[in-house]
């Protein structure tokens, strides 16, 4: 195997000159050559460093050290960047397709790991690459192994692509369940078995009374109900209710960037709501207890409250289910329910399509939700006992879905292990007899 390092000139945006292939141009084992920049270089240098079909390029440093790419089609006039190594196989002894498959095997990656030097920026130079051990077999056997492996790997790739589509389908399915739940369809049979004597108007009046009692107000503009005609009809025992009437406080976090400290009180932003399920305290920043004391004069998150992302990524809702003390940034809104027993129900309701469609962002750049608009958003409210049943059924459905996701993740990992098992068998001489 022959390797050569090309110390190239700096890439520049030109209309002429050869394409200048960088490791960042290689994505998902593919290169979009039309987007690869051009480079200015002496004509006599081009012949030495040009790329042609059958060449394999390797990343020789950095986080992608060892990553390789086989050039199968004619790239036109193209050269490679200085932090790549080009390998050109001897036609008489090593088939490029066979070599490219070996460079995906665990044996290859172990050799890269053993030979790479440097802690911050691992490096694997051309000399080391030229010394790699590759199991060489007769050319005909190499091609037979390649054909067999490509068939097996194609099947595995097809399976992984199908599995990769499932998470998107899962989210759509969850939204379908929430839509069904908050238009009353999911608990229709429950209502038939548990007929209610009170109407939706009665329920709305009860919510008004609780709001007045909690805030000691007899009159408030938030007590009015203005229905949006585009919203769907609800069961007769349900009511639409504005967020403001369901909460004692609708606010957001501190509006100025705080002075962060190494240790202190956790300070949460949108990324702490979008890092997975629930509220993540991983990789959060901290503020001093004194700053936190000032911040919570405006917005004080407590167990049972709801946090909603209002800047950038809009409408992600998380219930506070921890006694951990923390502050929030302006990008996060807080809704403090007047009825603390409604937290679980409201968390699901805010995530439903019926409510999400009301959370329309404004702004030409970074989209954000105004608190005034959030207070006016309407939530479909069921009677108390039906709310409990709805939460139970939605959670049961989501639990089954998460079980499916876990199976999908296990299957995806199995595909990866199967690929490596087939590569190992191939280069141990066990795949083709």
Protein backbone atom coordinates (compact mmCIF):
# COMPACT_ATOMS: atom_id res chain seq x y z
CA UNK A 1 0.00 0.00 0.00
CA UNK A 2 1.39 3.41 -1.01
CA UNK A 3 0.58 6.61 0.89
CA UNK A 4 1.58 10.19 0.15
CA UNK A 5 0.98 13.34 2.19
CA UNK A 6 0.12 16.46 0.21
CA UNK A 7 1.05 19.73 1.93
CA UNK A 8 -1.35 21.89 0.01
CA UNK A 9 -1.75 25.62 -0.43
CA UNK A 10 -4.62 27.34 1.32
CA UNK A 11 -8.06 26.80 -0.20
CA UNK A 12 -9.73 29.87 -1.70
CA UNK A 13 -12.96 30.69 -3.46
CA UNK A 14 -12.11 30.64 -7.15
CA UNK A 15 -13.93 30.07 -10.40
CA UNK A 16 -11.09 27.97 -11.75
CA UNK A 17 -8.46 25.58 -10.46
CA UNK A 18 -8.87 22.04 -9.12
CA UNK A 19 -11.36 21.13 -6.42
CA UNK A 20 -9.78 21.02 -2.94
CA UNK A 21 -11.17 18.03 -1.03
CA UNK A 22 -11.34 18.41 2.75
CA UNK A 23 -12.48 15.89 5.36
CA UNK A 24 -15.51 18.10 6.08
CA UNK A 25 -16.63 17.61 2.45
CA UNK A 26 -17.09 13.89 3.15
CA UNK A 27 -20.49 13.34 4.73
CA UNK A 28 -22.28 9.98 5.04
CA UNK A 29 -19.69 8.37 2.77
CA UNK A 30 -20.47 10.83 0.00
CA UNK A 31 -18.97 14.01 -1.51
CA UNK A 32 -21.00 16.76 -3.20
CA UNK A 33 -18.23 17.80 -5.57
CA UNK A 34 -20.05 20.91 -6.80
CA UNK A 35 -19.77 22.40 -3.29
CA UNK A 36 -16.07 21.57 -2.83
CA UNK A 37 -14.00 24.80 -3.05
CA UNK A 38 -11.30 25.35 -5.62
CA UNK A 39 -7.63 26.07 -4.95
CA UNK A 40 -4.88 27.96 -6.70
CA UNK A 41 -1.74 25.89 -7.28
CA UNK A 42 1.11 25.59 -9.80
CA UNK A 43 0.27 23.38 -12.79
CA UNK A 44 3.31 21.17 -12.18
CA UNK A 45 2.06 20.36 -8.68
CA UNK A 46 -1.38 19.23 -9.85
CA UNK A 47 -0.11 16.04 -11.49
CA UNK A 48 1.48 14.88 -8.24
CA UNK A 49 -1.55 15.44 -6.04
CA UNK A 50 -4.57 14.95 -8.22
CA UNK A 51 -7.30 12.54 -7.20
CA UNK A 52 -8.63 9.78 -9.41
CA UNK A 53 -11.06 6.85 -9.13
CA UNK A 54 -9.69 4.13 -6.84
CA UNK A 55 -7.88 6.56 -4.53
CA UNK A 56 -8.65 6.37 -0.82
CA UNK A 57 -8.21 9.45 1.37
CA UNK A 58 -7.77 9.39 5.15
CA UNK A 59 -8.04 12.00 7.89
CA UNK A 60 -4.66 12.04 9.59
CA UNK A 61 -5.43 14.27 12.57
CA UNK A 62 -8.15 15.60 14.82
CA UNK A 63 -11.40 14.08 16.03
CA UNK A 64 -11.97 12.25 12.72
CA UNK A 65 -8.51 10.67 12.54
CA UNK A 66 -8.73 7.42 10.58
CA UNK A 67 -11.93 8.34 8.71
CA UNK A 68 -11.57 7.20 5.10
CA UNK A 69 -13.31 7.67 1.76
CA UNK A 70 -12.97 5.70 -1.46
CA UNK A 71 -13.28 7.78 -4.64
CA UNK A 72 -15.36 5.58 -6.92
CA UNK A 73 -16.29 8.06 -9.65
CA UNK A 74 -14.15 10.50 -11.60
CA UNK A 75 -14.02 13.70 -9.49
CA UNK A 76 -12.75 15.80 -12.38
CA UNK A 77 -9.83 18.05 -11.55
CA UNK A 78 -9.39 17.61 -7.82
CA UNK A 79 -6.64 17.47 -5.17
CA UNK A 80 -6.69 16.75 -1.44
CA UNK A 81 -6.09 18.93 1.60
CA UNK A 82 -2.89 18.83 3.65
CA UNK A 83 -4.50 17.06 6.61
CA UNK A 84 -5.58 14.17 4.38
CA UNK A 85 -3.49 11.21 3.27
CA UNK A 86 -4.01 9.64 -0.13
CA UNK A 87 -3.61 5.91 -0.62
CA UNK A 88 -3.36 4.42 -4.07
CA UNK A 89 -3.51 0.61 -4.09
CA UNK A 90 -1.23 -1.51 -6.27
CA UNK A 91 -3.57 -2.94 -8.90
CA UNK A 92 -1.70 -6.24 -8.94
CA UNK A 93 -2.22 -7.03 -5.26
CA UNK A 94 -4.94 -4.94 -3.59
CA UNK A 95 -8.43 -4.12 -4.79
CA UNK A 96 -9.52 -0.61 -3.65
CA UNK A 97 -13.07 -1.75 -2.81
CA UNK A 98 -11.66 -4.58 -0.66
CA UNK A 99 -9.28 -2.15 1.08
CA UNK A 100 -12.06 0.38 1.68
CA UNK A 101 -14.16 -2.28 3.41
CA UNK A 102 -11.23 -3.30 5.59
CA UNK A 103 -10.92 0.33 6.68
CA UNK A 104 -14.36 -0.03 8.29
CA UNK A 105 -13.41 -3.07 10.36
CA UNK A 106 -12.66 -3.18 14.08
CA UNK A 107 -9.17 -4.56 13.30
CA UNK A 108 -8.39 -1.41 11.31
CA UNK A 109 -9.75 0.93 13.98
CA UNK A 110 -7.77 -0.88 16.66
CA UNK A 111 -4.59 -0.26 14.67
CA UNK A 112 -5.51 3.40 14.30
CA UNK A 113 -6.15 3.66 18.03
CA UNK A 114 -2.88 1.95 18.89
CA UNK A 115 -0.86 4.08 16.48
CA UNK A 116 -2.42 7.52 16.94
CA UNK A 117 -0.31 9.99 18.90
CA UNK A 118 -1.25 13.19 20.71
CA UNK A 119 -3.94 13.78 23.33
CA UNK A 120 -5.57 17.03 22.17
CA UNK A 121 -5.27 16.39 18.44
CA UNK A 122 -4.64 12.68 17.68
CA UNK A 123 -2.37 12.17 14.68
CA UNK A 124 -1.72 9.21 12.37
CA UNK A 125 0.83 10.03 9.70
CA UNK A 126 1.48 8.56 6.26
CA UNK A 127 4.35 6.37 7.46
CA UNK A 128 2.13 4.69 10.03
CA UNK A 129 -0.68 4.32 7.52
CA UNK A 130 1.67 2.66 5.06
CA UNK A 131 2.61 0.16 7.77
CA UNK A 132 -0.97 -0.94 8.45
CA UNK A 133 -1.51 -4.70 8.35
CA UNK A 134 -4.16 -5.75 5.82
CA UNK A 135 -5.04 -9.41 5.25
CA UNK A 136 -4.13 -9.85 1.60
CA UNK A 137 -5.79 -12.61 -0.42
CA UNK A 138 -5.75 -13.41 -4.14
CA UNK A 139 -7.49 -10.68 -6.17
CA UNK A 140 -10.34 -12.94 -7.23
CA UNK A 141 -11.00 -13.86 -3.61
CA UNK A 142 -10.82 -10.18 -2.61
CA UNK A 143 -13.50 -9.35 -5.19
CA UNK A 144 -15.63 -12.28 -4.07
CA UNK A 145 -15.35 -11.16 -0.45
CA UNK A 146 -16.19 -7.59 -1.49
CA UNK A 147 -19.30 -8.66 -3.39
CA UNK A 148 -20.53 -10.79 -0.49
CA UNK A 149 -19.84 -8.08 2.08
CA UNK A 150 -21.51 -5.36 0.02
CA UNK A 151 -24.66 -7.47 -0.21
CA UNK A 152 -24.74 -8.05 3.55
CA UNK A 153 -23.89 -4.45 4.40
CA UNK A 154 -26.54 -3.14 1.98
CA UNK A 155 -29.19 -5.23 3.76
CA UNK A 156 -28.03 -3.91 7.11
CA UNK A 157 -28.00 -0.32 5.82
CA UNK A 158 -31.54 -0.72 4.50
CA UNK A 159 -32.65 -2.00 7.91
CA UNK A 160 -30.95 0.90 9.71
CA UNK A 161 -32.56 3.45 7.39
CA UNK A 162 -35.98 1.98 8.13
CA UNK A 163 -35.24 1.97 11.85
CA UNK A 164 -34.06 5.60 11.65
CA UNK A 165 -37.48 6.65 10.37
CA UNK A 166 -39.28 5.20 13.39
CA UNK A 167 -38.43 8.02 15.88
CA UNK A 168 -40.11 10.53 13.55
CA UNK A 169 -43.13 8.25 13.26
CA UNK A 170 -43.16 7.88 17.04
CA UNK A 171 -43.39 11.66 17.52
CA UNK A 172 -46.23 11.83 15.01
CA UNK A 173 -47.99 9.00 16.84
CA UNK A 174 -47.59 10.77 20.18
CA UNK A 175 -49.07 13.92 18.69
CA UNK A 176 -51.98 11.89 17.32
CA UNK A 177 -52.63 10.47 20.79
CA UNK A 178 -52.52 13.93 22.37
CA UNK A 179 -54.84 15.32 19.69
CA UNK A 180 -57.30 12.49 20.35
CA UNK A 181 -57.02 12.96 24.11
CA UNK A 182 -57.64 16.70 24.14
CA UNK A 183 -60.62 16.67 21.86
CA UNK A 184 -62.23 14.15 24.21
CA UNK A 185 -62.07 11.06 21.98
CA UNK A 186 -59.65 9.08 24.13
CA UNK A 187 -61.99 9.10 27.13
CA UNK A 188 -65.33 8.97 25.30
CA UNK A 189 -66.10 5.49 26.64
CA UNK A 190 -65.21 6.65 30.17
CA UNK A 191 -67.73 9.51 29.92
CA UNK A 192 -70.43 7.07 28.81
CA UNK A 193 -69.82 4.98 31.93
CA UNK A 194 -69.49 8.03 34.18
CA UNK A 195 -72.12 10.56 33.09
CA UNK A 196 -71.63 14.09 34.44
CA UNK A 197 -74.39 16.35 35.72
CA UNK A 198 -72.36 19.56 35.30
CA UNK A 199 -71.84 21.30 31.98
CA UNK A 200 -68.76 22.95 30.52
CA UNK A 201 -70.18 26.31 31.62
CA UNK A 202 -70.33 25.01 35.18
CA UNK A 203 -66.72 23.86 34.97
CA UNK A 204 -65.62 27.25 33.67
CA UNK A 205 -67.44 28.95 36.55
CA UNK A 206 -65.63 26.68 39.06
CA UNK A 207 -62.27 27.61 37.55
CA UNK A 208 -63.21 31.29 37.81
CA UNK A 209 -64.12 30.84 41.48
CA UNK A 210 -60.82 29.11 42.25
CA UNK A 211 -58.93 31.89 40.49
CA UNK A 212 -60.76 34.57 42.51
CA UNK A 213 -60.22 32.68 45.76
CA UNK A 214 -56.50 32.17 45.14
CA UNK A 215 -55.80 35.76 44.08
CA UNK A 216 -58.52 37.44 46.19
CA UNK A 217 -59.88 39.24 43.14
CA UNK A 218 -63.54 39.85 42.40
CA UNK A 219 -63.01 41.28 38.93
CA UNK A 220 -60.22 40.64 36.43
CA UNK A 221 -60.02 40.90 32.66
CA UNK A 222 -58.54 37.39 32.62
CA UNK A 223 -61.85 35.92 33.73
CA UNK A 224 -63.39 36.46 30.29
CA UNK A 225 -63.42 33.71 27.68
CA UNK A 226 -62.93 34.63 24.03
CA UNK A 227 -63.18 31.50 21.89
CA UNK A 228 -61.23 31.20 18.67
CA UNK A 229 -63.63 29.84 16.01
CA UNK A 230 -60.82 27.80 14.48
CA UNK A 231 -60.55 25.64 17.61
CA UNK A 232 -62.39 22.30 17.58
CA UNK A 233 -65.56 21.61 19.53
CA UNK A 234 -65.20 19.92 22.91
CA UNK A 235 -67.48 17.50 24.77
CA UNK A 236 -70.36 19.30 26.48
CA UNK A 237 -68.84 18.73 29.93
CA UNK A 238 -65.49 20.30 28.92
CA UNK A 239 -64.51 23.93 28.52
CA UNK A 240 -61.81 25.99 26.84
CA UNK A 241 -59.95 28.09 29.38
CA UNK A 242 -57.25 30.77 28.93
CA UNK A 243 -53.85 30.06 30.47
CA UNK A 244 -54.10 33.23 32.57
CA UNK A 245 -57.23 31.96 34.32
CA UNK A 246 -55.57 28.63 35.14
CA UNK A 247 -52.50 30.22 36.72
CA UNK A 248 -51.55 32.63 39.44
CA UNK A 249 -48.40 33.69 37.58
CA UNK A 250 -47.31 33.61 33.93
CA UNK A 251 -43.85 35.10 33.75
CA UNK A 252 -40.38 34.51 32.33
CA UNK A 253 -36.87 34.49 33.74
CA UNK A 254 -34.33 37.23 34.24
CA UNK A 255 -33.92 39.49 31.22
CA UNK A 256 -30.21 40.17 31.60
CA UNK A 257 -27.33 37.78 31.15
CA UNK A 258 -26.13 36.92 34.66
CA UNK A 259 -22.60 36.69 35.92
CA UNK A 260 -21.93 32.95 35.92
CA UNK A 261 -19.91 31.27 38.65
CA UNK A 262 -18.23 27.86 38.82
CA UNK A 263 -20.57 26.54 41.53
CA UNK A 264 -23.81 27.87 42.93
CA UNK A 265 -27.49 27.85 42.02
CA UNK A 266 -28.37 26.12 38.69
CA UNK A 267 -29.43 28.58 35.99
CA UNK A 268 -31.59 27.01 33.29
CA UNK A 269 -32.15 28.01 29.67
CA UNK A 270 -34.04 26.47 26.74
CA UNK A 271 -31.32 23.87 26.23
CA UNK A 272 -32.11 22.41 29.67
CA UNK A 273 -35.67 21.74 28.45
CA UNK A 274 -34.64 20.22 25.12
CA UNK A 275 -31.79 17.91 26.23
CA UNK A 276 -34.16 14.95 26.63
CA UNK A 277 -37.18 14.00 28.69
CA UNK A 278 -37.91 16.24 31.65
CA UNK A 279 -35.66 19.03 32.88
CA UNK A 280 -31.93 18.40 32.52
CA UNK A 281 -29.47 19.85 35.03
CA UNK A 282 -26.52 18.42 33.10
CA UNK A 283 -24.07 20.98 31.69
CA UNK A 284 -26.03 23.87 33.22
CA UNK A 285 -24.46 27.10 34.36
CA UNK A 286 -24.60 28.55 37.86
CA UNK A 287 -25.32 31.88 39.52
CA UNK A 288 -24.58 33.10 43.02
CA UNK A 289 -27.16 32.63 45.81
CA UNK A 290 -27.39 36.43 46.04
CA UNK A 291 -28.28 36.75 42.32
CA UNK A 292 -30.73 33.87 42.60
CA UNK A 293 -32.46 35.63 45.49
CA UNK A 294 -32.96 38.67 43.27
CA UNK A 295 -34.06 36.64 40.23
CA UNK A 296 -36.83 34.79 42.07
CA UNK A 297 -38.44 38.06 43.06
CA UNK A 298 -39.59 38.08 39.44
CA UNK A 299 -39.99 34.37 38.73
CA UNK A 300 -39.72 31.63 41.35
CA UNK A 301 -39.80 28.05 39.91
CA UNK A 302 -41.25 25.48 42.33
CA UNK A 303 -42.41 21.87 42.23
CA UNK A 304 -45.69 21.66 40.28
CA UNK A 305 -44.91 24.64 38.04
CA UNK A 306 -44.65 24.37 34.26
CA UNK A 307 -41.71 25.62 32.21
CA UNK A 308 -42.23 26.45 28.53
CA UNK A 309 -39.54 27.39 26.01
CA UNK A 310 -40.45 30.76 24.49
CA UNK A 311 -37.36 31.74 22.46
CA UNK A 312 -35.83 29.84 19.54
CA UNK A 313 -37.23 26.37 20.09
CA UNK A 314 -40.85 27.17 20.90
CA UNK A 315 -43.44 25.39 23.00
CA UNK A 316 -41.37 22.69 24.73
CA UNK A 317 -43.16 22.12 28.04
CA UNK A 318 -41.74 20.52 31.18
CA UNK A 319 -43.32 20.09 34.59
CA UNK A 320 -41.09 20.85 37.59
CA UNK A 321 -40.91 17.58 39.51
CA UNK A 322 -37.93 18.38 41.69
CA UNK A 323 -37.25 20.34 44.85
CA UNK A 324 -33.90 21.46 43.44
CA UNK A 325 -33.56 25.23 43.73
CA UNK A 326 -32.88 26.96 40.39
CA UNK A 327 -33.39 30.15 38.40
CA UNK A 328 -34.41 30.57 34.75
CA UNK A 329 -33.44 32.84 31.85
CA UNK A 330 -35.79 35.03 29.83
CA UNK A 331 -35.99 32.34 27.13
CA UNK A 332 -38.07 30.18 29.50
CA UNK A 333 -41.62 31.00 30.61
CA UNK A 334 -43.11 29.81 33.90
CA UNK A 335 -46.78 28.97 34.45
CA UNK A 336 -47.78 28.52 38.09
CA UNK A 337 -51.12 26.62 38.16
CA UNK A 338 -53.76 27.80 40.60
CA UNK A 339 -54.79 24.15 41.01
CA UNK A 340 -51.55 22.28 41.72
CA UNK A 341 -53.28 18.95 41.07
CA UNK A 342 -53.61 19.93 37.40
CA UNK A 343 -49.85 19.96 36.70
CA UNK A 344 -49.69 16.56 34.99
CA UNK A 345 -52.79 17.29 32.93
CA UNK A 346 -51.58 20.74 31.88
CA UNK A 347 -48.16 19.43 30.89
CA UNK A 348 -49.83 17.09 28.39
CA UNK A 349 -52.38 19.71 27.31
CA UNK A 350 -49.67 22.27 26.49
CA UNK A 351 -47.92 19.64 24.34
CA UNK A 352 -51.11 18.81 22.38
CA UNK A 353 -51.55 20.01 18.78
CA UNK A 354 -54.61 22.02 19.84
CA UNK A 355 -52.46 24.21 22.11
CA UNK A 356 -49.19 24.06 20.18
CA UNK A 357 -50.88 25.58 17.13
CA UNK A 358 -51.67 28.64 19.25
CA UNK A 359 -48.03 29.13 20.26
CA UNK A 360 -47.06 31.11 17.19
CA UNK A 361 -43.65 32.74 17.34
CA UNK A 362 -43.04 36.33 16.30
CA UNK A 363 -39.90 38.11 15.17
CA UNK A 364 -37.86 38.23 11.97
CA UNK A 365 -34.76 36.52 13.35
CA UNK A 366 -35.02 34.54 16.54
CA UNK A 367 -38.65 33.53 17.00
CA UNK A 368 -40.21 34.10 20.43
CA UNK A 369 -43.57 33.86 22.20
CA UNK A 370 -44.91 36.95 23.95
CA UNK A 371 -46.14 36.36 27.48
CA UNK A 372 -49.26 38.34 26.62
CA UNK A 373 -50.05 35.84 23.87
CA UNK A 374 -49.23 32.86 26.09
CA UNK A 375 -51.69 34.08 28.72
CA UNK A 376 -54.43 34.22 26.09
CA UNK A 377 -53.80 30.70 24.73
CA UNK A 378 -56.78 28.42 25.36
CA UNK A 379 -56.46 25.03 27.06
CA UNK A 380 -59.11 22.26 26.70
CA UNK A 381 -60.15 21.40 30.26
CA UNK A 382 -62.01 18.22 31.23
CA UNK A 383 -63.79 17.66 34.58
CA UNK A 384 -61.46 16.59 37.44
CA UNK A 385 -62.14 12.83 37.40
CA UNK A 386 -61.89 12.65 33.63
CA UNK A 387 -58.62 14.57 33.76
CA UNK A 388 -57.18 11.84 35.98
CA UNK A 389 -58.36 9.13 33.57
CA UNK A 390 -57.01 11.02 30.55
CA UNK A 391 -53.55 11.41 32.10
CA UNK A 392 -53.49 7.72 33.01
CA UNK A 393 -54.43 6.63 29.47
CA UNK A 394 -52.00 8.96 27.72
CA UNK A 395 -49.16 7.86 29.98
CA UNK A 396 -49.98 4.20 29.37
CA UNK A 397 -49.94 4.78 25.61
CA UNK A 398 -46.65 6.70 25.82
CA UNK A 399 -45.14 3.91 27.92
CA UNK A 400 -45.91 1.39 25.19
CA UNK A 401 -44.41 3.73 22.60
CA UNK A 402 -41.23 4.15 24.63
CA UNK A 403 -41.00 0.37 24.86
CA UNK A 404 -41.11 0.27 21.06
CA UNK A 405 -38.41 2.94 20.85
CA UNK A 406 -36.20 0.89 23.18
CA UNK A 407 -36.65 -2.14 20.89
CA UNK A 408 -35.76 0.00 17.87
CA UNK A 409 -32.60 1.25 19.58
CA UNK A 410 -31.61 -2.32 20.44
CA UNK A 411 -32.21 -3.38 16.83
CA UNK A 412 -30.08 -0.50 15.52
CA UNK A 413 -27.20 -1.50 17.82
CA UNK A 414 -27.62 -5.11 16.70
CA UNK A 415 -27.24 -4.00 13.07
CA UNK A 416 -24.00 -2.24 13.94
CA UNK A 417 -22.67 -5.32 15.73
CA UNK A 418 -23.76 -7.47 12.81
CA UNK A 419 -21.81 -5.28 10.39
CA UNK A 420 -18.66 -5.66 12.47
CA UNK A 421 -19.23 -9.40 12.84
CA UNK A 422 -19.49 -9.77 9.05
CA UNK A 423 -16.39 -7.60 8.51
CA UNK A 424 -14.46 -9.68 11.04
CA UNK A 425 -15.54 -12.95 9.40
CA UNK A 426 -14.65 -11.59 5.97
CA UNK A 427 -11.11 -10.56 6.84
CA UNK A 428 -10.54 -13.71 8.88
CA UNK A 429 -11.29 -15.71 5.74
CA UNK A 430 -14.56 -17.15 7.12
CA UNK A 431 -17.13 -15.37 4.91
CA UNK A 432 -16.14 -16.91 1.57
CA UNK A 433 -14.97 -20.49 1.37
